[in-house]
PDB file of N, CA and C in Angstrom:
ATOM      1  N   MET A   1      43.767-129.747 250.757  1.00  0.00           N
ATOM      2  CA  MET A   1      43.576-129.570 249.344  1.00  0.00           C
ATOM      3  C   MET A   1      43.739-130.890 248.608  1.00  0.00           C
ATOM      4  N   ALA A   2      44.656-131.711 249.059  1.00  0.00           N
ATOM      5  CA  ALA A   2      44.891-132.991 248.390  1.00  0.00           C
ATOM      6  C   ALA A   2      43.653-133.878 248.455  1.00  0.00           C
ATOM      7  N   ILE A   3      42.921-133.832 249.546  1.00  0.00           N
ATOM      8  CA  ILE A   3      41.733-134.667 249.693  1.00  0.00           C
ATOM      9  C   ILE A   3      40.639-134.208 248.734  1.00  0.00           C
ATOM     10  N   VAL A   4      40.507-132.917 248.540  1.00  0.00           N
ATOM     11  CA  VAL A   4      39.488-132.407 247.622  1.00  0.00           C
ATOM     12  C   VAL A   4      39.765-132.898 246.200  1.00  0.00           C
ATOM     13  N   ILE A   5      41.016-132.859 245.814  1.00  0.00           N
ATOM     14  CA  ILE A   5      41.393-133.261 244.463  1.00  0.00           C
ATOM     15  C   ILE A   5      41.329-134.779 244.293  1.00  0.00           C
ATOM     16  N   THR A   6      41.733-135.521 245.300  1.00  0.00           N
ATOM     17  CA  THR A   6      41.821-136.978 245.177  1.00  0.00           C
ATOM     18  C   THR A   6      40.650-137.700 245.825  1.00  0.00           C
ATOM     19  N   GLY A   7      39.519-137.043 245.948  1.00  0.00           N
ATOM     20  CA  GLY A   7      38.334-137.671 246.532  1.00  0.00           C
ATOM     21  C   GLY A   7      37.947-138.976 245.860  1.00  0.00           C
ATOM     22  N   PRO A   8      37.872-139.019 244.513  1.00  0.00           N
ATOM     23  CA  PRO A   8      37.540-140.277 243.855  1.00  0.00           C
ATOM     24  C   PRO A   8      38.572-141.381 244.103  1.00  0.00           C
ATOM     25  N   VAL A   9      39.834-141.001 244.222  1.00  0.00           N
ATOM     26  CA  VAL A   9      40.872-141.989 244.509  1.00  0.00           C
ATOM     27  C   VAL A   9      40.675-142.560 245.906  1.00  0.00           C
ATOM     28  N   ALA A  10      40.362-141.707 246.868  1.00  0.00           N
ATOM     29  CA  ALA A  10      40.116-142.169 248.237  1.00  0.00           C
ATOM     30  C   ALA A  10      38.922-143.111 248.282  1.00  0.00           C
ATOM     31  N   LYS A  11      37.894-142.792 247.530  1.00  0.00           N
ATOM     32  CA  LYS A  11      36.706-143.656 247.509  1.00  0.00           C
ATOM     33  C   LYS A  11      37.028-145.001 246.873  1.00  0.00           C
ATOM     34  N   ASP A  12      37.831-145.000 245.804  1.00  0.00           N
ATOM     35  CA  ASP A  12      38.237-146.240 245.152  1.00  0.00           C
ATOM     36  C   ASP A  12      39.075-147.104 246.087  1.00  0.00           C
ATOM     37  N   ILE A  13      39.999-146.484 246.801  1.00  0.00           N
ATOM     38  CA  ILE A  13      40.832-147.224 247.762  1.00  0.00           C
ATOM     39  C   ILE A  13      39.960-147.808 248.868  1.00  0.00           C
ATOM     40  N   ALA A  14      39.005-147.023 249.335  1.00  0.00           N
ATOM     41  CA  ALA A  14      38.125-147.486 250.415  1.00  0.00           C
ATOM     42  C   ALA A  14      37.314-148.705 249.983  1.00  0.00           C
ATOM     43  N   THR A  15      36.763-148.663 248.782  1.00  0.00           N
ATOM     44  CA  THR A  15      35.965-149.816 248.339  1.00  0.00           C
ATOM     45  C   THR A  15      36.840-151.014 248.011  1.00  0.00           C
ATOM     46  N   ARG A  16      38.013-150.772 247.458  1.00  0.00           N
ATOM     47  CA  ARG A  16      38.896-151.882 247.090  1.00  0.00           C
ATOM     48  C   ARG A  16      39.399-152.638 248.317  1.00  0.00           C
ATOM     49  N   PHE A  17      39.763-151.915 249.370  1.00  0.00           N
ATOM     50  CA  PHE A  17      40.329-152.555 250.558  1.00  0.00           C
ATOM     51  C   PHE A  17      39.318-152.696 251.695  1.00  0.00           C
ATOM     52  N   ARG A  18      38.066-152.400 251.409  1.00  0.00           N
ATOM     53  CA  ARG A  18      36.977-152.555 252.364  1.00  0.00           C
ATOM     54  C   ARG A  18      37.238-151.836 253.686  1.00  0.00           C
ATOM     55  N   ILE A  19      37.565-150.570 253.576  1.00  0.00           N
ATOM     56  CA  ILE A  19      37.712-149.716 254.754  1.00  0.00           C
ATOM     57  C   ILE A  19      36.768-148.530 254.575  1.00  0.00           C
ATOM     58  N   THR A  20      36.568-147.795 255.632  1.00  0.00           N
ATOM     59  CA  THR A  20      35.674-146.644 255.525  1.00  0.00           C
ATOM     60  C   THR A  20      36.331-145.547 254.690  1.00  0.00           C
ATOM     61  N   ALA A  21      35.503-144.770 254.032  1.00  0.00           N
ATOM     62  CA  ALA A  21      36.027-143.670 253.212  1.00  0.00           C
ATOM     63  C   ALA A  21      36.754-142.650 254.079  1.00  0.00           C
ATOM     64  N   LYS A  22      36.281-142.470 255.300  1.00  0.00           N
ATOM     65  CA  LYS A  22      36.914-141.534 256.228  1.00  0.00           C
ATOM     66  C   LYS A  22      38.343-141.977 256.555  1.00  0.00           C
ATOM     67  N   ARG A  23      38.534-143.287 256.751  1.00  0.00           N
ATOM     68  CA  ARG A  23      39.874-143.814 257.056  1.00  0.00           C
ATOM     69  C   ARG A  23      40.800-143.693 255.855  1.00  0.00           C
ATOM     70  N   ALA A  24      40.290-143.995 254.659  1.00  0.00           N
ATOM     71  CA  ALA A  24      41.109-143.876 253.449  1.00  0.00           C
ATOM     72  C   ALA A  24      41.529-142.431 253.227  1.00  0.00           C
ATOM     73  N   ALA A  25      40.617-141.491 253.413  1.00  0.00           N
ATOM     74  CA  ALA A  25      40.941-140.078 253.249  1.00  0.00           C
ATOM     75  C   ALA A  25      41.963-139.627 254.292  1.00  0.00           C
ATOM     76  N   SER A  26      41.814-140.132 255.503  1.00  0.00           N
ATOM     77  CA  SER A  26      42.745-139.771 256.563  1.00  0.00           C
ATOM     78  C   SER A  26      44.155-140.272 256.257  1.00  0.00           C
ATOM     79  N   LEU A  27      44.258-141.505 255.788  1.00  0.00           N
ATOM     80  CA  LEU A  27      45.575-142.055 255.451  1.00  0.00           C
ATOM     81  C   LEU A  27      46.186-141.332 254.255  1.00  0.00           C
ATOM     82  N   LEU A  28      45.383-141.013 253.251  1.00  0.00           N
ATOM     83  CA  LEU A  28      45.901-140.254 252.116  1.00  0.00           C
ATOM     84  C   LEU A  28      46.432-138.900 252.563  1.00  0.00           C
ATOM     85  N   ASP A  29      45.695-138.229 253.420  1.00  0.00           N
ATOM     86  CA  ASP A  29      46.120-136.926 253.908  1.00  0.00           C
ATOM     87  C   ASP A  29      47.399-137.030 254.728  1.00  0.00           C
ATOM     88  N   LEU A  30      47.482-138.052 255.561  1.00  0.00           N
ATOM     89  CA  LEU A  30      48.657-138.241 256.406  1.00  0.00           C
ATOM     90  C   LEU A  30      49.905-138.456 255.560  1.00  0.00           C
ATOM     91  N   PHE A  31      49.817-139.336 254.564  1.00  0.00           N
ATOM     92  CA  PHE A  31      50.997-139.607 253.747  1.00  0.00           C
ATOM     93  C   PHE A  31      51.340-138.443 252.829  1.00  0.00           C
ATOM     94  N   ALA A  32      50.339-137.734 252.323  1.00  0.00           N
ATOM     95  CA  ALA A  32      50.616-136.572 251.475  1.00  0.00           C
ATOM     96  C   ALA A  32      51.349-135.493 252.265  1.00  0.00           C
ATOM     97  N   SER A  33      50.901-135.242 253.478  1.00  0.00           N
ATOM     98  CA  SER A  33      51.558-134.202 254.273  1.00  0.00           C
ATOM     99  C   SER A  33      52.936-134.636 254.755  1.00  0.00           C
ATOM    100  N   SER A  34      53.117-135.928 255.045  1.00  0.00           N
ATOM    101  CA  SER A  34      54.438-136.366 255.487  1.00  0.00           C
ATOM    102  C   SER A  34      55.451-136.289 254.356  1.00  0.00           C
ATOM    103  N   PHE A  35      55.054-136.676 253.134  1.00  0.00           N
ATOM    104  CA  PHE A  35      55.981-136.567 252.009  1.00  0.00           C
ATOM    105  C   PHE A  35      56.262-135.110 251.667  1.00  0.00           C
ATOM    106  N   GLN A  36      55.252-134.266 251.746  1.00  0.00           N
ATOM    107  CA  GLN A  36      55.437-132.841 251.475  1.00  0.00           C
ATOM    108  C   GLN A  36      56.390-132.216 252.490  1.00  0.00           C
ATOM    109  N   GLY A  37      56.345-132.677 253.719  1.00  0.00           N
ATOM    110  CA  GLY A  37      57.223-132.132 254.744  1.00  0.00           C
ATOM    111  C   GLY A  37      58.640-132.654 254.677  1.00  0.00           C
ATOM    112  N   VAL A  38      58.846-133.801 254.033  1.00  0.00           N
ATOM    113  CA  VAL A  38      60.179-134.412 253.986  1.00  0.00           C
ATOM    114  C   VAL A  38      61.015-133.875 252.832  1.00  0.00           C
ATOM    115  N   ILE A  39      60.388-133.608 251.689  1.00  0.00           N
ATOM    116  CA  ILE A  39      61.181-133.165 250.543  1.00  0.00           C
ATOM    117  C   ILE A  39      61.800-131.800 250.846  1.00  0.00           C
ATOM    118  N   PRO A  40      63.075-131.608 250.489  1.00  0.00           N
ATOM    119  CA  PRO A  40      63.774-130.386 250.888  1.00  0.00           C
ATOM    120  C   PRO A  40      63.189-129.104 250.304  1.00  0.00           C
ATOM    121  N   TYR A  41      62.488-129.198 249.191  1.00  0.00           N
ATOM    122  CA  TYR A  41      61.950-127.987 248.588  1.00  0.00           C
ATOM    123  C   TYR A  41      60.425-127.979 248.613  1.00  0.00           C
ATOM    124  N   GLY A  42      59.843-128.593 249.627  1.00  0.00           N
ATOM    125  CA  GLY A  42      58.397-128.549 249.825  1.00  0.00           C
ATOM    126  C   GLY A  42      57.986-127.215 250.421  1.00  0.00           C
ATOM    127  N   ALA A  43      56.701-126.951 250.395  1.00  0.00           N
ATOM    128  CA  ALA A  43      56.196-125.651 250.849  1.00  0.00           C
ATOM    129  C   ALA A  43      56.510-125.392 252.320  1.00  0.00           C
ATOM    130  N   GLN A  44      56.353-126.403 253.177  1.00  0.00           N
ATOM    131  CA  GLN A  44      56.600-126.192 254.601  1.00  0.00           C
ATOM    132  C   GLN A  44      58.072-125.883 254.869  1.00  0.00           C
ATOM    133  N   VAL A  45      58.953-126.615 254.208  1.00  0.00           N
ATOM    134  CA  VAL A  45      60.385-126.403 254.430  1.00  0.00           C
ATOM    135  C   VAL A  45      60.808-125.048 253.889  1.00  0.00           C
ATOM    136  N   LEU A  46      60.313-124.683 252.726  1.00  0.00           N
ATOM    137  CA  LEU A  46      60.677-123.376 252.167  1.00  0.00           C
ATOM    138  C   LEU A  46      60.182-122.237 253.040  1.00  0.00           C
ATOM    139  N   ALA A  47      59.012-122.389 253.624  1.00  0.00           N
ATOM    140  CA  ALA A  47      58.515-121.350 254.525  1.00  0.00           C
ATOM    141  C   ALA A  47      59.398-121.240 255.764  1.00  0.00           C
ATOM    142  N   ALA A  48      59.805-122.366 256.312  1.00  0.00           N
ATOM    143  CA  ALA A  48      60.646-122.350 257.512  1.00  0.00           C
ATOM    144  C   ALA A  48      62.020-121.755 257.233  1.00  0.00           C
ATOM    145  N   VAL A  49      62.636-122.138 256.123  1.00  0.00           N
ATOM    146  CA  VAL A  49      63.985-121.639 255.855  1.00  0.00           C
ATOM    147  C   VAL A  49      63.978-120.179 255.416  1.00  0.00           C
ATOM    148  N   SER A  50      62.848-119.692 254.911  1.00  0.00           N
ATOM    149  CA  SER A  50      62.810-118.277 254.552  1.00  0.00           C
ATOM    150  C   SER A  50      62.864-117.402 255.804  1.00  0.00           C
ATOM    151  N   PHE A  51      62.282-117.867 256.903  1.00  0.00           N
ATOM    152  CA  PHE A  51      62.364-117.125 258.156  1.00  0.00           C
ATOM    153  C   PHE A  51      63.752-117.224 258.773  1.00  0.00           C
ATOM    154  N   ALA A  52      64.370-118.402 258.653  1.00  0.00           N
ATOM    155  CA  ALA A  52      65.692-118.609 259.250  1.00  0.00           C
ATOM    156  C   ALA A  52      66.823-118.127 258.351  1.00  0.00           C
ATOM    157  N   GLU A  53      66.515-117.888 257.070  1.00  0.00           N
ATOM    158  CA  GLU A  53      67.508-117.449 256.091  1.00  0.00           C
ATOM    159  C   GLU A  53      68.683-118.407 255.986  1.00  0.00           C
ATOM    160  N   VAL A  54      68.368-119.700 255.844  1.00  0.00           N
ATOM    161  CA  VAL A  54      69.376-120.725 255.627  1.00  0.00           C
ATOM    162  C   VAL A  54      68.945-121.591 254.447  1.00  0.00           C
ATOM    163  N   SER A  55      69.821-122.490 254.037  1.00  0.00           N
ATOM    164  CA  SER A  55      69.514-123.400 252.938  1.00  0.00           C
ATOM    165  C   SER A  55      68.570-124.504 253.424  1.00  0.00           C
ATOM    166  N   PRO A  56      67.681-124.996 252.555  1.00  0.00           N
ATOM    167  CA  PRO A  56      66.803-126.106 252.958  1.00  0.00           C
ATOM    168  C   PRO A  56      67.580-127.362 253.360  1.00  0.00           C
ATOM    169  N   LEU A  57      68.749-127.544 252.800  1.00  0.00           N
ATOM    170  CA  LEU A  57      69.545-128.723 253.137  1.00  0.00           C
ATOM    171  C   LEU A  57      70.142-128.640 254.540  1.00  0.00           C
ATOM    172  N   VAL A  58      70.229-127.439 255.087  1.00  0.00           N
ATOM    173  CA  VAL A  58      70.749-127.268 256.446  1.00  0.00           C
ATOM    174  C   VAL A  58      69.745-127.803 257.467  1.00  0.00           C
ATOM    175  N   VAL A  59      68.460-127.582 257.223  1.00  0.00           N
ATOM    176  CA  VAL A  59      67.453-128.015 258.185  1.00  0.00           C
ATOM    177  C   VAL A  59      66.962-129.441 257.938  1.00  0.00           C
ATOM    178  N   ALA A  60      67.323-130.041 256.812  1.00  0.00           N
ATOM    179  CA  ALA A  60      66.842-131.392 256.477  1.00  0.00           C
ATOM    180  C   ALA A  60      67.158-132.440 257.549  1.00  0.00           C
ATOM    181  N   PRO A  61      68.356-132.458 258.136  1.00  0.00           N
ATOM    182  CA  PRO A  61      68.622-133.483 259.159  1.00  0.00           C
ATOM    183  C   PRO A  61      67.777-133.328 260.424  1.00  0.00           C
ATOM    184  N   TYR A  62      67.222-132.146 260.636  1.00  0.00           N
ATOM    185  CA  TYR A  62      66.434-131.901 261.847  1.00  0.00           C
ATOM    186  C   TYR A  62      64.931-132.020 261.603  1.00  0.00           C
ATOM    187  N   ASN A  63      64.571-132.432 260.435  1.00  0.00           N
ATOM    188  CA  ASN A  63      63.162-132.541 260.071  1.00  0.00           C
ATOM    189  C   ASN A  63      62.639-133.931 260.441  1.00  0.00           C
ATOM    190  N   PHE A  64      62.284-134.094 261.685  1.00  0.00           N
ATOM    191  CA  PHE A  64      61.827-135.409 262.136  1.00  0.00           C
ATOM    192  C   PHE A  64      60.315-135.563 262.076  1.00  0.00           C
ATOM    193  N   TYR A  65      59.573-134.473 261.976  1.00  0.00           N
ATOM    194  CA  TYR A  65      58.117-134.546 262.000  1.00  0.00           C
ATOM    195  C   TYR A  65      57.565-135.322 260.799  1.00  0.00           C
ATOM    196  N   GLY A  66      58.098-135.055 259.614  1.00  0.00           N
ATOM    197  CA  GLY A  66      57.645-135.767 258.421  1.00  0.00           C
ATOM    198  C   GLY A  66      57.902-137.258 258.511  1.00  0.00           C
ATOM    199  N   PHE A  67      59.055-137.615 259.042  1.00  0.00           N
ATOM    200  CA  PHE A  67      59.383-139.030 259.178  1.00  0.00           C
ATOM    201  C   PHE A  67      58.523-139.706 260.253  1.00  0.00           C
ATOM    202  N   LEU A  68      58.260-138.994 261.324  1.00  0.00           N
ATOM    203  CA  LEU A  68      57.408-139.570 262.374  1.00  0.00           C
ATOM    204  C   LEU A  68      55.968-139.760 261.908  1.00  0.00           C
ATOM    205  N   THR A  69      55.447-138.812 261.154  1.00  0.00           N
ATOM    206  CA  THR A  69      54.084-138.986 260.644  1.00  0.00           C
ATOM    207  C   THR A  69      54.023-140.131 259.646  1.00  0.00           C
ATOM    208  N   PHE A  70      55.072-140.313 258.858  1.00  0.00           N
ATOM    209  CA  PHE A  70      55.129-141.444 257.932  1.00  0.00           C
ATOM    210  C   PHE A  70      55.127-142.765 258.699  1.00  0.00           C
ATOM    211  N   LEU A  71      55.932-142.846 259.754  1.00  0.00           N
ATOM    212  CA  LEU A  71      55.973-144.070 260.570  1.00  0.00           C
ATOM    213  C   LEU A  71      54.643-144.321 261.277  1.00  0.00           C
ATOM    214  N   CYS A  72      53.994-143.263 261.721  1.00  0.00           N
ATOM    215  CA  CYS A  72      52.673-143.430 262.347  1.00  0.00           C
ATOM    216  C   CYS A  72      51.649-143.918 261.336  1.00  0.00           C
ATOM    217  N   GLY A  73      51.754-143.464 260.110  1.00  0.00           N
ATOM    218  CA  GLY A  73      50.865-143.952 259.057  1.00  0.00           C
ATOM    219  C   GLY A  73      51.081-145.424 258.783  1.00  0.00           C
ATOM    220  N   LEU A  74      52.335-145.834 258.745  1.00  0.00           N
ATOM    221  CA  LEU A  74      52.625-147.260 258.557  1.00  0.00           C
ATOM    222  C   LEU A  74      52.113-148.085 259.728  1.00  0.00           C
ATOM    223  N   ALA A  75      52.240-147.554 260.933  1.00  0.00           N
ATOM    224  CA  ALA A  75      51.722-148.260 262.109  1.00  0.00           C
ATOM    225  C   ALA A  75      50.209-148.371 262.049  1.00  0.00           C
ATOM    226  N   ALA A  76      49.546-147.317 261.589  1.00  0.00           N
ATOM    227  CA  ALA A  76      48.086-147.350 261.491  1.00  0.00           C
ATOM    228  C   ALA A  76      47.628-148.398 260.489  1.00  0.00           C
ATOM    229  N   ILE A  77      48.392-148.581 259.438  1.00  0.00           N
ATOM    230  CA  ILE A  77      48.039-149.609 258.456  1.00  0.00           C
ATOM    231  C   ILE A  77      48.387-150.996 258.987  1.00  0.00           C
ATOM    232  N   SER A  78      49.551-151.122 259.599  1.00  0.00           N
ATOM    233  CA  SER A  78      50.020-152.431 260.069  1.00  0.00           C
ATOM    234  C   SER A  78      49.175-153.001 261.194  1.00  0.00           C
ATOM    235  N   PHE A  79      48.850-152.156 262.162  1.00  0.00           N
ATOM    236  CA  PHE A  79      48.122-152.653 263.335  1.00  0.00           C
ATOM    237  C   PHE A  79      46.616-152.636 263.141  1.00  0.00           C
ATOM    238  N   ARG A  80      46.158-152.006 262.084  1.00  0.00           N
ATOM    239  CA  ARG A  80      44.718-151.944 261.771  1.00  0.00           C
ATOM    240  C   ARG A  80      43.917-151.568 262.987  1.00  0.00           C
ATOM    241  N   PHE A  81      44.151-150.358 263.466  1.00  0.00           N
ATOM    242  CA  PHE A  81      43.414-149.849 264.621  1.00  0.00           C
ATOM    243  C   PHE A  81      41.920-149.911 264.358  1.00  0.00           C
ATOM    244  N   PRO A  82      41.126-149.954 265.376  1.00  0.00           N
ATOM    245  CA  PRO A  82      39.656-150.044 265.169  1.00  0.00           C
ATOM    246  C   PRO A  82      39.142-148.905 264.301  1.00  0.00           C
ATOM    247  N   ARG A  83      38.166-149.253 263.490  1.00  0.00           N
ATOM    248  CA  ARG A  83      37.609-148.265 262.559  1.00  0.00           C
ATOM    249  C   ARG A  83      36.396-147.631 263.147  1.00  0.00           C
TER     250      ARG A  83
END
């Protein structure tokens, strides 16, 4: 959903930094989902804690997926993998 809404932003980023629009959209999606997964009251965390019936702060220390996707996004930018 974020890509549909931010399509013009992705295109602007792609032209500004001379990368493909597909790569810019992919990076935007990756960072949007990683931040959404890290915040304690994001949709993914609230869905998980509703099944477990615990506080979102209880599961926060075990939420490594959001942090790993963020680090992978930084690696993708830093190493400039082939386009």
